[in-house]
Amino acid sequence: MAIIYTEQRKKQKKLIFILVFLVLATFFVVWQGFFKGPSSKNKGTEASAFMFKKIEIDFKVLENPILKKLEDFTKILPFEQPKGRENPFLPY
């Protein structure tokens, strides 16, 4: 029985082209994102919009009667049941 390597070579050639395409696409994305950076037009507008944005917090939400009915559970009560066995790794 003869072993045919042509099918394997065809598959390998296809996979090599796919690999080269993925490497080039990855390089392009990295180049656009890291090395080129944002354009000079958007740098000033983004920074100024972020720096001068005023943040206001509305504390009236905390005056809701539903929120006032909530209980504070900061104190944790100890367990009422006894602890387990002294050595839990021993078989029964």
C-alpha atoms as a PDB file:
ATOM      1  CA  MET A   1       0.000   0.000   0.000  1.00  0.00           C
ATOM      2  CA  ALA A   2       1.464   3.330  -1.063  1.00  0.00           C
ATOM      3  CA  ILE A   3       1.492   6.320   1.251  1.00  0.00           C
ATOM      4  CA  ILE A   4       0.361   9.515  -0.422  1.00  0.00           C
ATOM      5  CA  TYR A   5       1.982  12.667   0.899  1.00  0.00           C
ATOM      6  CA  THR A   6       0.423  15.095  -1.552  1.00  0.00           C
ATOM      7  CA  GLU A   7      -2.706  15.544   0.543  1.00  0.00           C
ATOM      8  CA  GLN A   8      -0.624  16.302   3.612  1.00  0.00           C
ATOM      9  CA  ARG A   9       1.448  18.824   1.671  1.00  0.00           C
ATOM     10  CA  LYS A  10      -1.703  20.542   0.390  1.00  0.00           C
ATOM     11  CA  LYS A  11      -3.026  20.797   3.933  1.00  0.00           C
ATOM     12  CA  GLN A  12       0.307  22.119   5.182  1.00  0.00           C
ATOM     13  CA  LYS A  13       0.411  24.772   2.445  1.00  0.00           C
ATOM     14  CA  LYS A  14      -3.101  25.908   3.344  1.00  0.00           C
ATOM     15  CA  LEU A  15      -2.200  26.037   7.023  1.00  0.00           C
ATOM     16  CA  ILE A  16       0.962  28.028   6.269  1.00  0.00           C
ATOM     17  CA  PHE A  17      -1.052  30.616   4.317  1.00  0.00           C
ATOM     18  CA  ILE A  18      -3.571  30.863   7.149  1.00  0.00           C
ATOM     19  CA  LEU A  19      -0.771  31.251   9.698  1.00  0.00           C
ATOM     20  CA  VAL A  20       0.925  33.975   7.663  1.00  0.00           C
ATOM     21  CA  PHE A  21      -2.395  35.809   7.287  1.00  0.00           C
ATOM     22  CA  LEU A  22      -3.062  35.644  11.044  1.00  0.00           C
ATOM     23  CA  VAL A  23       0.445  36.889  11.863  1.00  0.00           C
ATOM     24  CA  LEU A  24       0.074  39.812   9.445  1.00  0.00           C
ATOM     25  CA  ALA A  25      -3.381  40.695  10.771  1.00  0.00           C
ATOM     26  CA  THR A  26      -2.098  40.588  14.352  1.00  0.00           C
ATOM     27  CA  PHE A  27       0.882  42.748  13.442  1.00  0.00           C
ATOM     28  CA  PHE A  28      -1.425  45.267  11.753  1.00  0.00           C
ATOM     29  CA  VAL A  29      -3.728  45.491  14.776  1.00  0.00           C
ATOM     30  CA  VAL A  30      -0.785  45.897  17.156  1.00  0.00           C
ATOM     31  CA  TRP A  31       0.732  48.551  14.890  1.00  0.00           C
ATOM     32  CA  GLN A  32      -2.522  50.527  14.780  1.00  0.00           C
ATOM     33  CA  GLY A  33      -3.142  50.243  18.516  1.00  0.00           C
ATOM     34  CA  PHE A  34       0.234  50.697  20.129  1.00  0.00           C
ATOM     35  CA  PHE A  35       2.694  52.284  17.780  1.00  0.00           C
ATOM     36  CA  LYS A  36       0.524  54.746  15.900  1.00  0.00           C
ATOM     37  CA  GLY A  37      -1.652  55.716  18.863  1.00  0.00           C
ATOM     38  CA  PRO A  38      -4.630  58.061  18.615  1.00  0.00           C
ATOM     39  CA  SER A  39      -4.546  60.785  16.022  1.00  0.00           C
ATOM     40  CA  SER A  40      -3.552  64.305  17.038  1.00  0.00           C
ATOM     41  CA  LYS A  41      -7.074  65.609  16.323  1.00  0.00           C
ATOM     42  CA  ASN A  42      -8.685  63.527  19.061  1.00  0.00           C
ATOM     43  CA  LYS A  43      -6.009  63.948  21.734  1.00  0.00           C
ATOM     44  CA  GLY A  44      -7.000  67.459  22.773  1.00  0.00           C
ATOM     45  CA  THR A  45     -10.744  66.954  22.691  1.00  0.00           C
ATOM     46  CA  GLU A  46     -10.705  63.708  24.680  1.00  0.00           C
ATOM     47  CA  ALA A  47      -8.444  65.103  27.384  1.00  0.00           C
ATOM     48  CA  SER A  48     -10.330  68.369  27.782  1.00  0.00           C
ATOM     49  CA  ALA A  49     -13.723  66.637  27.893  1.00  0.00           C
ATOM     50  CA  PHE A  50     -12.509  64.302  30.621  1.00  0.00           C
ATOM     51  CA  MET A  51     -10.732  66.896  32.717  1.00  0.00           C
ATOM     52  CA  PHE A  52     -13.596  69.387  32.933  1.00  0.00           C
ATOM     53  CA  LYS A  53     -16.426  66.949  33.448  1.00  0.00           C
ATOM     54  CA  LYS A  54     -18.239  67.641  36.728  1.00  0.00           C
ATOM     55  CA  ILE A  55     -19.468  64.680  38.738  1.00  0.00           C
ATOM     56  CA  GLU A  56     -22.572  65.111  40.863  1.00  0.00           C
ATOM     57  CA  ILE A  57     -23.840  62.497  43.314  1.00  0.00           C
ATOM     58  CA  ASP A  58     -27.524  62.424  44.186  1.00  0.00           C
ATOM     59  CA  PHE A  59     -27.856  61.371  47.846  1.00  0.00           C
ATOM     60  CA  LYS A  60     -31.662  61.600  47.782  1.00  0.00           C
ATOM     61  CA  VAL A  61     -31.713  57.986  46.613  1.00  0.00           C
ATOM     62  CA  LEU A  62     -30.506  56.906  50.056  1.00  0.00           C
ATOM     63  CA  GLU A  63     -33.559  58.493  51.700  1.00  0.00           C
ATOM     64  CA  ASN A  64     -35.855  55.902  50.131  1.00  0.00           C
ATOM     65  CA  PRO A  65     -38.051  54.226  52.824  1.00  0.00           C
ATOM     66  CA  ILE A  66     -37.326  50.781  51.395  1.00  0.00           C
ATOM     67  CA  LEU A  67     -33.613  51.295  52.008  1.00  0.00           C
ATOM     68  CA  LYS A  68     -34.261  52.472  55.563  1.00  0.00           C
ATOM     69  CA  LYS A  69     -36.030  49.174  56.375  1.00  0.00           C
ATOM     70  CA  LEU A  70     -32.857  47.191  55.652  1.00  0.00           C
ATOM     71  CA  GLU A  71     -31.132  45.674  58.677  1.00  0.00           C
ATOM     72  CA  ASP A  72     -27.444  45.944  59.472  1.00  0.00           C
ATOM     73  CA  PHE A  73     -25.785  42.528  59.748  1.00  0.00           C
ATOM     74  CA  THR A  74     -22.257  43.643  60.561  1.00  0.00           C
ATOM     75  CA  LYS A  75     -22.111  41.508  63.732  1.00  0.00           C
ATOM     76  CA  ILE A  76     -21.597  37.840  62.831  1.00  0.00           C
ATOM     77  CA  LEU A  77     -22.933  35.400  65.385  1.00  0.00           C
ATOM     78  CA  PRO A  78     -20.870  32.291  66.254  1.00  0.00           C
ATOM     79  CA  PHE A  79     -22.026  28.848  65.157  1.00  0.00           C
ATOM     80  CA  GLU A  80     -24.416  27.172  67.586  1.00  0.00           C
ATOM     81  CA  GLN A  81     -23.713  23.636  66.435  1.00  0.00           C
ATOM     82  CA  PRO A  82     -20.645  21.722  67.637  1.00  0.00           C
ATOM     83  CA  LYS A  83     -17.592  21.480  65.432  1.00  0.00           C
ATOM     84  CA  GLY A  84     -16.848  18.410  63.333  1.00  0.00           C
ATOM     85  CA  ARG A  85     -14.492  15.580  64.122  1.00  0.00           C
ATOM     86  CA  GLU A  86     -11.036  16.207  65.520  1.00  0.00           C
ATOM     87  CA  ASN A  87      -9.371  14.617  62.477  1.00  0.00           C
ATOM     88  CA  PRO A  88     -11.696  14.819  59.478  1.00  0.00           C
ATOM     89  CA  PHE A  89      -9.327  12.802  57.298  1.00  0.00           C
ATOM     90  CA  LEU A  90      -9.726   9.567  59.265  1.00  0.00           C
ATOM     91  CA  PRO A  91     -12.206   7.118  57.701  1.00  0.00           C
ATOM     92  CA  TYR A  92     -15.413   6.261  59.571  1.00  0.00           C
END
